[in-house]
Amino acid sequence: AIARRHTIDIKAWVCEGGPSCDISLGMNKLYAFLWGLRNYHQDSVRDLLSLPTGFPVVSVRSEQDPIISFENIDNFFSVAFNRIDLQRVTLHKSGHISGINHEPELYKQIVGGALHNVSSPI
């Protein structure tokens, strides 16, 4: 969605527990097709490479995530490592996409810091 909007009004991307280029995680090919993810990998590569050079991405990952591994997340971003400004942040006490619930202060610090870095005064 960010790439399709040409990052006109989007200054950074904060993600937790993904994304992953392995769509087989938790779904079969039929569901991928029904959800419009048939070309997910190709679309992801195209979209990542269309982001502006230096585009800030904060990737929040959990050591206890049973669904998406660090390797899967890094594989997703691998085509754009030299284009994007990828900051990896590891949460130690939370599972898949539960950082805000299990580590709220650290989560606020991470997301707040990312927003502060790209925001401009009103």
Protein backbone atom coordinates (compact mmCIF):
# COMPACT_ATOMS: atom_id res chain seq x y z
CA ALA A 1 0.00 0.00 0.00
CA ILE A 2 2.87 2.39 0.77
CA ALA A 3 4.44 1.91 -2.66
CA ARG A 4 1.11 2.24 -4.44
CA ARG A 5 0.63 5.64 -2.78
CA HIS A 6 4.13 6.57 -3.99
CA THR A 7 4.99 7.45 -0.37
CA ILE A 8 3.52 10.92 -0.96
CA ASP A 9 2.06 11.20 2.53
CA ILE A 10 3.86 8.29 4.20
CA LYS A 11 7.22 9.03 5.79
CA ALA A 12 8.12 5.68 7.41
CA TRP A 13 6.97 2.10 7.88
CA VAL A 14 6.78 0.37 11.27
CA CYS A 15 5.96 -3.33 11.15
CA GLU A 16 5.80 -6.04 13.78
CA GLY A 17 5.96 -9.79 13.31
CA GLY A 18 6.53 -9.61 9.59
CA PRO A 19 6.22 -9.19 6.74
CA SER A 20 7.36 -12.50 5.37
CA CYS A 21 7.92 -13.67 1.84
CA ASP A 22 6.78 -17.17 2.79
CA ILE A 23 3.00 -17.07 2.27
CA SER A 24 2.76 -20.75 3.13
CA LEU A 25 2.97 -19.80 6.80
CA GLY A 26 -0.47 -20.40 8.21
CA MET A 27 -2.31 -20.58 4.90
CA ASN A 28 -2.57 -22.80 1.89
CA LYS A 29 -2.36 -21.76 -1.74
CA LEU A 30 -6.16 -21.64 -2.11
CA TYR A 31 -6.47 -19.04 0.66
CA ALA A 32 -3.56 -17.09 -0.81
CA PHE A 33 -5.37 -17.02 -4.15
CA LEU A 34 -8.69 -16.01 -2.56
CA TRP A 35 -7.03 -13.20 -0.59
CA GLY A 36 -5.37 -11.89 -3.73
CA LEU A 37 -1.91 -13.00 -2.66
CA ARG A 38 -1.19 -15.25 -5.64
CA ASN A 39 1.62 -12.94 -6.81
CA TYR A 40 2.56 -11.77 -3.32
CA HIS A 41 6.29 -12.36 -3.66
CA GLN A 42 6.61 -10.67 -7.06
CA ASP A 43 4.41 -7.77 -5.95
CA SER A 44 6.41 -7.37 -2.74
CA VAL A 45 9.72 -7.20 -4.60
CA ARG A 46 8.34 -4.62 -7.03
CA ASP A 47 6.86 -2.53 -4.22
CA LEU A 48 9.98 -2.65 -2.06
CA LEU A 49 12.18 -1.56 -4.95
CA SER A 50 9.84 1.34 -5.70
CA LEU A 51 10.34 2.88 -2.25
CA PRO A 52 12.58 5.96 -2.19
CA THR A 53 16.23 5.37 -1.34
CA GLY A 54 16.70 5.68 2.42
CA PHE A 55 13.03 5.10 3.21
CA PRO A 56 12.87 4.37 6.97
CA VAL A 57 11.55 0.96 7.99
CA VAL A 58 11.39 -0.20 11.62
CA SER A 59 11.07 -3.96 11.83
CA VAL A 60 9.93 -5.05 15.28
CA ARG A 61 10.49 -8.77 15.88
CA SER A 62 9.96 -11.05 18.84
CA GLU A 63 12.31 -13.76 19.99
CA GLN A 64 9.27 -15.75 21.09
CA ASP A 65 7.32 -15.47 17.83
CA PRO A 66 6.20 -19.00 16.93
CA ILE A 67 4.94 -17.97 13.47
CA ILE A 68 7.45 -15.70 11.71
CA SER A 69 11.19 -16.15 12.17
CA PHE A 70 13.79 -13.38 11.94
CA GLU A 71 15.12 -15.17 8.86
CA ASN A 72 11.73 -14.96 7.10
CA ILE A 73 11.48 -11.25 7.82
CA ASP A 74 15.04 -10.60 6.64
CA ASN A 75 14.38 -12.64 3.48
CA PHE A 76 11.45 -10.36 2.72
CA PHE A 77 13.56 -7.22 3.03
CA SER A 78 16.67 -8.71 1.38
CA VAL A 79 15.94 -7.33 -2.10
CA ALA A 80 15.87 -3.80 -0.69
CA PHE A 81 18.60 -3.90 1.99
CA ASN A 82 20.65 -1.36 0.02
CA ARG A 83 17.67 0.90 -0.71
CA ILE A 84 15.78 1.19 2.57
CA ASP A 85 16.93 2.35 6.00
CA LEU A 86 16.05 -0.83 7.90
CA GLN A 87 16.18 -0.71 11.69
CA ARG A 88 15.72 -4.10 13.36
CA VAL A 89 14.37 -4.11 16.91
CA THR A 90 14.08 -7.29 18.98
CA LEU A 91 11.45 -7.77 21.67
CA HIS A 92 12.31 -10.42 24.24
CA LYS A 93 9.07 -11.02 26.16
CA SER A 94 6.33 -11.06 23.55
CA GLY A 95 5.03 -13.41 20.89
CA HIS A 96 3.65 -12.78 17.42
CA ILE A 97 2.36 -9.18 17.06
CA SER A 98 1.85 -8.78 20.80
CA GLY A 99 4.66 -6.35 21.62
CA ILE A 100 2.37 -3.49 22.59
CA ASN A 101 0.61 -5.76 25.11
CA HIS A 102 3.66 -7.47 26.63
CA GLU A 103 6.30 -4.74 26.41
CA PRO A 104 4.31 -1.49 26.21
CA GLU A 105 7.02 0.90 27.41
CA LEU A 106 9.65 -0.44 25.01
CA TYR A 107 7.07 -0.53 22.21
CA LYS A 108 6.10 3.12 22.82
CA GLN A 109 9.78 4.07 22.84
CA ILE A 110 10.40 2.27 19.51
CA VAL A 111 7.33 3.54 17.67
CA GLY A 112 7.47 6.98 19.28
CA GLY A 113 11.12 7.34 18.30
CA ALA A 114 10.39 6.32 14.73
CA LEU A 115 7.53 8.82 14.48
CA HIS A 116 9.63 11.56 16.04
CA ASN A 117 12.44 10.96 13.51
CA VAL A 118 10.15 11.50 10.52
CA SER A 119 7.68 14.03 11.82
CA SER A 120 7.73 17.74 11.22
CA PRO A 121 6.34 20.48 13.45
CA ILE A 122 2.78 21.56 12.82
